[in-house]
C-alpha atoms as a PDB file:
ATOM      1  CA  MET A   1       0.000   0.000   0.000  1.00  0.00           C
ATOM      2  CA  PHE A   2       1.242   3.484  -0.842  1.00  0.00           C
ATOM      3  CA  ALA A   3       0.036   7.062  -0.569  1.00  0.00           C
ATOM      4  CA  VAL A   4       0.835  10.427  -2.071  1.00  0.00           C
ATOM      5  CA  LEU A   5       0.907  13.149   0.571  1.00  0.00           C
ATOM      6  CA  LYS A   6       1.411  16.886   0.408  1.00  0.00           C
ATOM      7  CA  THR A   7       3.493  18.890   2.880  1.00  0.00           C
ATOM      8  CA  GLY A   8       5.617  22.029   2.630  1.00  0.00           C
ATOM      9  CA  GLY A   9       4.337  22.703  -0.895  1.00  0.00           C
ATOM     10  CA  LYS A  10       5.733  19.369  -2.177  1.00  0.00           C
ATOM     11  CA  GLN A  11       4.262  15.939  -2.902  1.00  0.00           C
ATOM     12  CA  TYR A  12       5.777  12.640  -1.753  1.00  0.00           C
ATOM     13  CA  LYS A  13       4.914   9.061  -2.711  1.00  0.00           C
ATOM     14  CA  VAL A  14       5.410   7.003   0.466  1.00  0.00           C
ATOM     15  CA  GLN A  15       5.110   3.484   1.872  1.00  0.00           C
ATOM     16  CA  ALA A  16       5.372   2.208   5.431  1.00  0.00           C
ATOM     17  CA  GLY A  17       9.021   2.232   6.520  1.00  0.00           C
ATOM     18  CA  ASP A  18      10.131   5.057   4.187  1.00  0.00           C
ATOM     19  CA  VAL A  19      12.318   7.809   5.636  1.00  0.00           C
ATOM     20  CA  LEU A  20      11.595  11.329   4.325  1.00  0.00           C
ATOM     21  CA  ARG A  21      13.241  14.735   4.590  1.00  0.00           C
ATOM     22  CA  VAL A  22      10.405  17.274   4.569  1.00  0.00           C
ATOM     23  CA  GLU A  23      10.167  21.018   5.193  1.00  0.00           C
ATOM     24  CA  LYS A  24      10.509  21.767   8.916  1.00  0.00           C
ATOM     25  CA  LEU A  25       7.530  20.664  11.024  1.00  0.00           C
ATOM     26  CA  ALA A  26       6.499  21.899  14.472  1.00  0.00           C
ATOM     27  CA  ALA A  27       7.325  18.646  16.254  1.00  0.00           C
ATOM     28  CA  ASP A  28      10.075  17.278  18.488  1.00  0.00           C
ATOM     29  CA  ALA A  29      12.182  14.163  17.911  1.00  0.00           C
ATOM     30  CA  GLY A  30      10.313  11.027  19.000  1.00  0.00           C
ATOM     31  CA  GLU A  31       6.848  12.515  18.483  1.00  0.00           C
ATOM     32  CA  LYS A  32       4.193  10.751  16.411  1.00  0.00           C
ATOM     33  CA  ILE A  33       2.573  12.954  13.778  1.00  0.00           C
ATOM     34  CA  GLN A  34      -0.014  12.557  11.063  1.00  0.00           C
ATOM     35  CA  PHE A  35      -0.173  13.997   7.538  1.00  0.00           C
ATOM     36  CA  ASN A  36      -3.822  14.659   6.694  1.00  0.00           C
ATOM     37  CA  ASP A  37      -3.319  16.115   3.198  1.00  0.00           C
ATOM     38  CA  VAL A  38      -3.347  12.830   1.273  1.00  0.00           C
ATOM     39  CA  LEU A  39      -3.820  13.222  -2.477  1.00  0.00           C
ATOM     40  CA  MET A  40      -3.984   9.537  -3.369  1.00  0.00           C
ATOM     41  CA  VAL A  41      -4.072   6.119  -1.720  1.00  0.00           C
ATOM     42  CA  GLY A  42      -2.991   3.096  -3.762  1.00  0.00           C
ATOM     43  CA  GLY A  43      -3.010  -0.640  -3.170  1.00  0.00           C
ATOM     44  CA  GLU A  44      -5.647  -3.194  -4.027  1.00  0.00           C
ATOM     45  CA  SER A  45      -7.894  -0.319  -5.107  1.00  0.00           C
ATOM     46  CA  THR A  46      -6.654   3.161  -5.943  1.00  0.00           C
ATOM     47  CA  VAL A  47      -8.469   6.190  -4.534  1.00  0.00           C
ATOM     48  CA  VAL A  48      -7.702   9.641  -5.935  1.00  0.00           C
ATOM     49  CA  GLY A  49      -8.729  12.690  -3.917  1.00  0.00           C
ATOM     50  CA  ALA A  50     -10.423  15.834  -5.113  1.00  0.00           C
ATOM     51  CA  PRO A  51      -8.067  17.326  -4.020  1.00  0.00           C
ATOM     52  CA  PHE A  52      -7.640  15.203  -0.844  1.00  0.00           C
ATOM     53  CA  VAL A  53      -8.866  11.707   0.017  1.00  0.00           C
ATOM     54  CA  GLU A  54     -11.459  12.110   2.763  1.00  0.00           C
ATOM     55  CA  GLY A  55     -10.540  10.311   5.980  1.00  0.00           C
ATOM     56  CA  ALA A  56      -7.128   9.192   4.685  1.00  0.00           C
ATOM     57  CA  ALA A  57      -3.935   9.928   6.616  1.00  0.00           C
ATOM     58  CA  VAL A  58      -0.273   9.025   6.771  1.00  0.00           C
ATOM     59  CA  GLN A  59       1.272   8.569  10.215  1.00  0.00           C
ATOM     60  CA  ALA A  60       4.977   9.002  10.906  1.00  0.00           C
ATOM     61  CA  ASP A  61       7.531   9.237  13.708  1.00  0.00           C
ATOM     62  CA  VAL A  62       9.790  12.289  13.880  1.00  0.00           C
ATOM     63  CA  ILE A  63      13.425  11.124  13.877  1.00  0.00           C
ATOM     64  CA  GLU A  64      15.150  14.506  14.219  1.00  0.00           C
ATOM     65  CA  GLN A  65      15.284  18.145  13.114  1.00  0.00           C
ATOM     66  CA  ILE A  66      18.114  18.649  10.599  1.00  0.00           C
ATOM     67  CA  LYS A  67      19.508  21.144   8.106  1.00  0.00           C
ATOM     68  CA  GLY A  68      19.940  20.530   4.393  1.00  0.00           C
ATOM     69  CA  GLU A  69      23.114  20.933   2.371  1.00  0.00           C
ATOM     70  CA  LYS A  70      24.545  24.428   2.174  1.00  0.00           C
ATOM     71  CA  LEU A  71      23.553  26.279  -0.989  1.00  0.00           C
ATOM     72  CA  ILE A  72      25.712  29.151  -2.215  1.00  0.00           C
ATOM     73  CA  LYS A  73      24.165  32.088  -4.040  1.00  0.00           C
ATOM     74  CA  PHE A  74      26.742  34.229  -5.847  1.00  0.00           C
ATOM     75  CA  VAL A  75      25.773  37.534  -7.469  1.00  0.00           C
ATOM     76  CA  LYS A  76      28.188  39.635  -9.520  1.00  0.00           C
ATOM     77  CA  ARG A  77      27.429  42.853 -11.363  1.00  0.00           C
ATOM     78  CA  ARG A  78      29.907  43.511 -14.148  1.00  0.00           C
ATOM     79  CA  ARG A  79      31.245  46.741 -15.622  1.00  0.00           C
ATOM     80  CA  LYS A  80      32.272  49.873 -13.737  1.00  0.00           C
ATOM     81  CA  HIS A  81      31.766  49.940  -9.955  1.00  0.00           C
ATOM     82  CA  SER A  82      30.936  46.242 -10.069  1.00  0.00           C
ATOM     83  CA  SER A  83      29.945  44.431  -6.887  1.00  0.00           C
ATOM     84  CA  LYS A  84      30.017  40.832  -5.718  1.00  0.00           C
ATOM     85  CA  ARG A  85      27.965  39.157  -3.035  1.00  0.00           C
ATOM     86  CA  THR A  86      27.984  35.596  -1.738  1.00  0.00           C
ATOM     87  CA  VAL A  87      25.187  34.279   0.469  1.00  0.00           C
ATOM     88  CA  GLY A  88      24.905  30.786   1.956  1.00  0.00           C
ATOM     89  CA  HIS A  89      21.679  29.058   2.988  1.00  0.00           C
ATOM     90  CA  ARG A  90      20.865  25.791   4.785  1.00  0.00           C
ATOM     91  CA  GLN A  91      17.199  24.834   4.695  1.00  0.00           C
ATOM     92  CA  LYS A  92      15.688  23.578   7.962  1.00  0.00           C
ATOM     93  CA  LEU A  93      14.221  20.105   7.491  1.00  0.00           C
ATOM     94  CA  THR A  94      12.533  17.377   9.524  1.00  0.00           C
ATOM     95  CA  LEU A  95      13.491  13.729   9.161  1.00  0.00           C
ATOM     96  CA  VAL A  96      10.467  11.435   9.530  1.00  0.00           C
ATOM     97  CA  ARG A  97       9.839   7.680   9.228  1.00  0.00           C
ATOM     98  CA  ILE A  98       6.485   6.597   7.782  1.00  0.00           C
ATOM     99  CA  THR A  99       4.825   4.094  10.111  1.00  0.00           C
ATOM    100  CA  ASP A 100       1.282   3.626   8.830  1.00  0.00           C
ATOM    101  CA  ILE A 101      -1.029   4.558   5.968  1.00  0.00           C
ATOM    102  CA  LEU A 102      -4.716   4.876   6.855  1.00  0.00           C
ATOM    103  CA  ALA A 103      -7.183   4.691   3.967  1.00  0.00           C
ATOM    104  CA  THR A 104     -10.050   5.630   6.309  1.00  0.00           C
ATOM    105  CA  GLY A 105     -10.488   6.893   9.861  1.00  0.00           C
ATOM    106  CA  GLY A 106      -7.524   9.248   9.817  1.00  0.00           C
ATOM    107  CA  ASP A 107      -9.676  12.130  11.049  1.00  0.00           C
ATOM    108  CA  LYS A 108     -10.590  10.147  14.206  1.00  0.00           C
ATOM    109  CA  SER A 109      -7.136   8.755  15.078  1.00  0.00           C
ATOM    110  CA  GLY A 110      -6.310  11.487  17.614  1.00  0.00           C
ATOM    111  CA  VAL A 111      -2.684  11.769  16.444  1.00  0.00           C
ATOM    112  CA  LYS A 112      -1.134  15.259  16.305  1.00  0.00           C
ATOM    113  CA  ALA A 113      -1.399  16.803  12.811  1.00  0.00           C
ATOM    114  CA  ALA A 114       1.829  17.630  10.981  1.00  0.00           C
ATOM    115  CA  ILE A 115       1.990  21.430  10.751  1.00  0.00           C
ATOM    116  CA  GLY A 116       4.761  23.516   9.213  1.00  0.00           C
ATOM    117  CA  ALA A 117       6.921  25.316  11.781  1.00  0.00           C
ATOM    118  CA  GLY A 118       6.416  28.724  10.126  1.00  0.00           C
ATOM    119  CA  SER A 119       2.620  28.522  10.329  1.00  0.00           C
ATOM    120  CA  VAL A 120       2.352  27.738  14.055  1.00  0.00           C
ATOM    121  CA  SER A 121       3.362  30.987  15.767  1.00  0.00           C
ATOM    122  CA  ALA A 122       1.221  33.304  13.635  1.00  0.00           C
ATOM    123  CA  PRO A 123      -2.216  31.740  14.398  1.00  0.00           C
ATOM    124  CA  ALA A 124      -1.261  31.368  18.073  1.00  0.00           C
ATOM    125  CA  ALA A 125      -0.282  35.032  18.264  1.00  0.00           C
ATOM    126  CA  ALA A 126      -3.472  36.028  16.427  1.00  0.00           C
ATOM    127  CA  ALA A 127      -5.587  33.964  18.832  1.00  0.00           C
ATOM    128  CA  GLU A 128      -3.942  35.703  21.799  1.00  0.00           C
ATOM    129  CA  ALA A 129      -4.361  39.130  20.200  1.00  0.00           C
ATOM    130  CA  LYS A 130      -8.120  38.737  19.551  1.00  0.00           C
ATOM    131  CA  PRO A 131      -9.218  38.770  23.222  1.00  0.00           C
ATOM    132  CA  ALA A 132      -6.921  41.743  23.884  1.00  0.00           C
ATOM    133  CA  LYS A 133      -8.451  43.653  20.958  1.00  0.00           C
ATOM    134  CA  ALA A 134     -11.975  42.779  22.113  1.00  0.00           C
ATOM    135  CA  ALA A 135     -11.166  44.011  25.625  1.00  0.00           C
ATOM    136  CA  ALA A 136      -9.700  47.226  24.219  1.00  0.00           C
ATOM    137  CA  LYS A 137     -12.849  47.799  22.144  1.00  0.00           C
ATOM    138  CA  ALA A 138     -15.042  47.174  25.173  1.00  0.00           C
ATOM    139  CA  GLU A 139     -13.088  49.723  27.210  1.00  0.00           C
ATOM    140  CA  ALA A 140     -12.753  52.249  24.385  1.00  0.00           C
ATOM    141  CA  PRO A 141     -16.169  53.962  24.721  1.00  0.00           C
ATOM    142  CA  ALA A 142     -15.704  54.574  28.453  1.00  0.00           C
ATOM    143  CA  ALA A 143     -12.143  55.865  28.071  1.00  0.00           C
ATOM    144  CA  ALA A 144     -12.689  57.864  24.888  1.00  0.00           C
ATOM    145  CA  GLY A 145     -15.591  60.025  26.090  1.00  0.00           C
ATOM    146  CA  ASP A 146     -16.776  62.449  23.393  1.00  0.00           C
ATOM    147  CA  ASP A 147     -15.391  62.475  19.843  1.00  0.00           C
ATOM    148  CA  LEU A 148     -13.065  65.489  20.033  1.00  0.00           C
ATOM    149  CA  THR A 149     -12.251  65.227  16.317  1.00  0.00           C
ATOM    150  CA  ALA A 150     -15.776  66.556  15.626  1.00  0.00           C
ATOM    151  CA  ILE A 151     -14.373  69.983  16.551  1.00  0.00           C
ATOM    152  CA  THR A 152     -13.037  71.851  13.521  1.00  0.00           C
ATOM    153  CA  GLY A 153      -9.238  71.917  13.608  1.00  0.00           C
ATOM    154  CA  VAL A 154      -8.851  68.976  16.004  1.00  0.00           C
ATOM    155  CA  GLY A 155      -7.348  66.021  14.193  1.00  0.00           C
ATOM    156  CA  PRO A 156      -6.489  62.566  15.556  1.00  0.00           C
ATOM    157  CA  ALA A 157      -3.059  63.726  16.815  1.00  0.00           C
ATOM    158  CA  ALA A 158      -4.463  66.769  18.632  1.00  0.00           C
ATOM    159  CA  ALA A 159      -7.307  64.684  20.084  1.00  0.00           C
ATOM    160  CA  LYS A 160      -4.782  62.163  21.398  1.00  0.00           C
ATOM    161  CA  LYS A 161      -2.799  64.945  23.119  1.00  0.00           C
ATOM    162  CA  LEU A 162      -5.986  66.337  24.671  1.00  0.00           C
ATOM    163  CA  VAL A 163      -6.945  62.881  26.000  1.00  0.00           C
ATOM    164  CA  GLU A 164      -3.447  62.460  27.443  1.00  0.00           C
ATOM    165  CA  ALA A 165      -3.904  65.829  29.174  1.00  0.00           C
ATOM    166  CA  GLY A 166      -7.132  64.550  30.762  1.00  0.00           C
ATOM    167  CA  ILE A 167      -9.646  66.220  28.426  1.00  0.00           C
ATOM    168  CA  THR A 168     -12.024  63.532  27.146  1.00  0.00           C
ATOM    169  CA  THR A 169     -15.363  65.368  26.891  1.00  0.00           C
ATOM    170  CA  TYR A 170     -16.722  68.540  25.293  1.00  0.00           C
ATOM    171  CA  ALA A 171     -17.617  69.878  28.742  1.00  0.00           C
ATOM    172  CA  ALA A 172     -14.027  69.418  29.965  1.00  0.00           C
ATOM    173  CA  LEU A 173     -12.653  71.225  26.913  1.00  0.00           C
ATOM    174  CA  ALA A 174     -15.212  74.038  27.285  1.00  0.00           C
ATOM    175  CA  ALA A 175     -13.989  74.616  30.861  1.00  0.00           C
ATOM    176  CA  VAL A 176     -10.328  75.037  29.827  1.00  0.00           C
ATOM    177  CA  ASP A 177      -8.645  78.415  30.315  1.00  0.00           C
ATOM    178  CA  VAL A 178      -6.559  78.799  27.154  1.00  0.00           C
ATOM    179  CA  ASP A 179      -4.034  81.172  28.800  1.00  0.00           C
ATOM    180  CA  THR A 180      -3.202  79.000  31.846  1.00  0.00           C
ATOM    181  CA  PHE A 181      -3.736  75.426  30.582  1.00  0.00           C
ATOM    182  CA  GLU A 182      -0.407  73.612  30.198  1.00  0.00           C
ATOM    183  CA  GLY A 183      -1.407  70.015  29.396  1.00  0.00           C
ATOM    184  CA  ALA A 184      -1.765  70.522  25.627  1.00  0.00           C
ATOM    185  CA  LYS A 185      -2.111  73.314  23.107  1.00  0.00           C
ATOM    186  CA  VAL A 186      -5.724  74.509  23.109  1.00  0.00           C
ATOM    187  CA  LYS A 187      -7.102  77.115  20.717  1.00  0.00           C
ATOM    188  CA  PRO A 188      -9.887  79.530  21.783  1.00  0.00           C
ATOM    189  CA  GLU A 189     -12.113  78.423  18.872  1.00  0.00           C
ATOM    190  CA  TRP A 190     -11.914  74.829  20.119  1.00  0.00           C
ATOM    191  CA  VAL A 191     -13.191  75.914  23.524  1.00  0.00           C
ATOM    192  CA  ALA A 192     -16.073  77.829  21.895  1.00  0.00           C
ATOM    193  CA  GLN A 193     -17.065  74.869  19.685  1.00  0.00           C
ATOM    194  CA  ALA A 194     -16.806  72.470  22.648  1.00  0.00           C
ATOM    195  CA  ALA A 195     -19.154  74.716  24.668  1.00  0.00           C
ATOM    196  CA  GLU A 196     -21.714  74.564  21.844  1.00  0.00           C
ATOM    197  CA  LEU A 197     -21.391  70.783  21.470  1.00  0.00           C
ATOM    198  CA  ALA A 198     -21.665  70.253  25.246  1.00  0.00           C
ATOM    199  CA  LYS A 199     -25.124  71.878  25.358  1.00  0.00           C
END
């Protein structure tokens, strides 16, 4: 029995016992992982996915995290004032051994899914950021007070400075003495407009 799986933007034809070098996965050595993106399962009867075979999976053990061979990129610009640059790169890879090919029931096996290392931190960070953003939105109306940018001449930057100085409402701005107030620059016409809006 064999399967064709997809990981790291590449396709691999595998059988039980095969050892593969794939793009780095978020897994430690000794862990059991499962590839759920199976394009085809072959054996007694061949099943081709559209694009993936439903319920099929390929299970593997992580042997170790390795680096590929060093690749050298050399760039040279000819003619006058020419420049040369040499850059080396070693791709991070994961060495895995295929242990089992499941034609069905892969979605219920409970084995950790094989996920690329680069795609793990971003969703986790986004998930953490969502509650913080929701909390900030919930607190925003109470902290913001009135919309000071409704006053002619007060832009977002000026409104921010006024809020930092403790002025969050039209009434507070209307009560400011332009000559003695030191928290932020306040124009007399702002005070007049704030008095009208506060009514």
